[in-house]
Amino acid sequence: MRALDMHVDEDVFVAAGDHVDVLLTIKQGQTSTVIENVEVAAANQSTRVVTFLVSPDDARRVMIAGEQGQFRLRLWKSD
């Protein structure tokens, strides 16, 4: 697993332990899911930086996607 810090282009309303989907919105307004059901390790609301623990493949996917658009998070419903 790798710790991955990500700047999210919206207000951050998640906390450590939450599960989210990481979405990418590109300039044409299209949104796609980059990774699903990833656990938040830490979140800083003032800087909009969220830390995830991800596999090396997911980390690579996020790094490539970050060059193409803006990240958003979709919170999973907690049980």
Protein backbone atom coordinates (compact mmCIF):
# COMPACT_ATOMS: atom_id res chain seq x y z
CA MET A 1 0.00 0.00 0.00
CA ARG A 2 1.02 3.58 -0.65
CA ALA A 3 -0.01 6.80 1.10
CA LEU A 4 -1.34 9.16 -1.54
CA ASP A 5 -2.06 12.82 -0.84
CA MET A 6 -4.57 14.38 -3.21
CA HIS A 7 -5.80 17.94 -3.59
CA VAL A 8 -9.58 17.84 -4.06
CA ASP A 9 -11.21 20.67 -6.03
CA GLU A 10 -14.14 21.12 -3.67
CA ASP A 11 -14.73 21.55 0.04
CA VAL A 12 -13.67 18.42 1.92
CA PHE A 13 -16.33 16.94 4.20
CA VAL A 14 -14.74 13.55 4.84
CA ALA A 15 -12.81 12.19 7.78
CA ALA A 16 -10.39 9.36 8.47
CA GLY A 17 -12.22 6.04 8.16
CA ASP A 18 -14.76 7.24 5.58
CA HIS A 19 -14.96 5.43 2.25
CA VAL A 20 -15.22 7.37 -1.00
CA ASP A 21 -15.06 7.07 -4.75
CA VAL A 22 -12.50 9.33 -6.40
CA LEU A 23 -14.02 11.02 -9.44
CA LEU A 24 -12.34 12.98 -12.22
CA THR A 25 -14.08 15.79 -14.09
CA ILE A 26 -12.42 16.97 -17.27
CA LYS A 27 -12.89 20.32 -18.99
CA GLN A 28 -15.66 19.07 -21.26
CA GLY A 29 -17.73 18.33 -18.15
CA GLN A 30 -17.39 14.56 -18.36
CA THR A 31 -16.98 12.75 -15.05
CA SER A 32 -15.50 9.29 -14.57
CA THR A 33 -14.61 7.15 -11.57
CA VAL A 34 -10.86 6.77 -11.03
CA ILE A 35 -10.97 4.46 -7.98
CA GLU A 36 -13.87 3.12 -5.92
CA ASN A 37 -14.45 2.52 -2.23
CA VAL A 38 -11.08 3.78 -1.03
CA GLU A 39 -10.63 4.49 2.67
CA VAL A 40 -9.67 7.99 3.79
CA ALA A 41 -6.58 7.93 6.01
CA ALA A 42 -6.63 11.68 6.76
CA ALA A 43 -8.31 14.86 5.54
CA ASN A 44 -7.44 18.51 5.96
CA GLN A 45 -10.45 20.75 5.32
CA SER A 46 -8.47 24.00 5.19
CA THR A 47 -6.07 22.81 2.45
CA ARG A 48 -8.51 20.40 0.74
CA VAL A 49 -5.91 17.64 0.90
CA VAL A 50 -7.07 14.07 1.48
CA THR A 51 -4.74 11.14 2.16
CA PHE A 52 -5.62 7.62 1.02
CA LEU A 53 -3.90 4.27 1.33
CA VAL A 54 -3.95 2.74 -2.14
CA SER A 55 -2.26 0.03 -4.16
CA PRO A 56 0.66 0.98 -6.43
CA ASP A 57 -1.62 0.52 -9.48
CA ASP A 58 -4.29 2.81 -8.03
CA ALA A 59 -1.65 5.40 -7.14
CA ARG A 60 -0.41 5.38 -10.73
CA ARG A 61 -3.96 5.70 -12.06
CA VAL A 62 -4.65 8.70 -9.81
CA MET A 63 -1.39 10.42 -10.75
CA ILE A 64 -2.13 10.09 -14.47
CA ALA A 65 -5.75 11.22 -14.03
CA GLY A 66 -4.66 14.27 -12.04
CA GLU A 67 -3.02 15.70 -15.14
CA GLN A 68 -6.32 15.61 -17.03
CA GLY A 69 -8.88 17.31 -14.79
CA GLN A 70 -10.19 18.00 -11.30
CA PHE A 71 -10.79 15.53 -8.51
CA ARG A 72 -14.05 15.23 -6.61
CA LEU A 73 -15.14 12.72 -3.95
CA ARG A 74 -18.35 10.75 -3.62
CA LEU A 75 -18.95 9.57 -0.06
CA TRP A 76 -20.13 6.01 0.49
CA LYS A 77 -23.05 5.51 2.82
CA SER A 78 -21.89 4.30 6.21
CA ASP A 79 -23.69 1.37 7.81
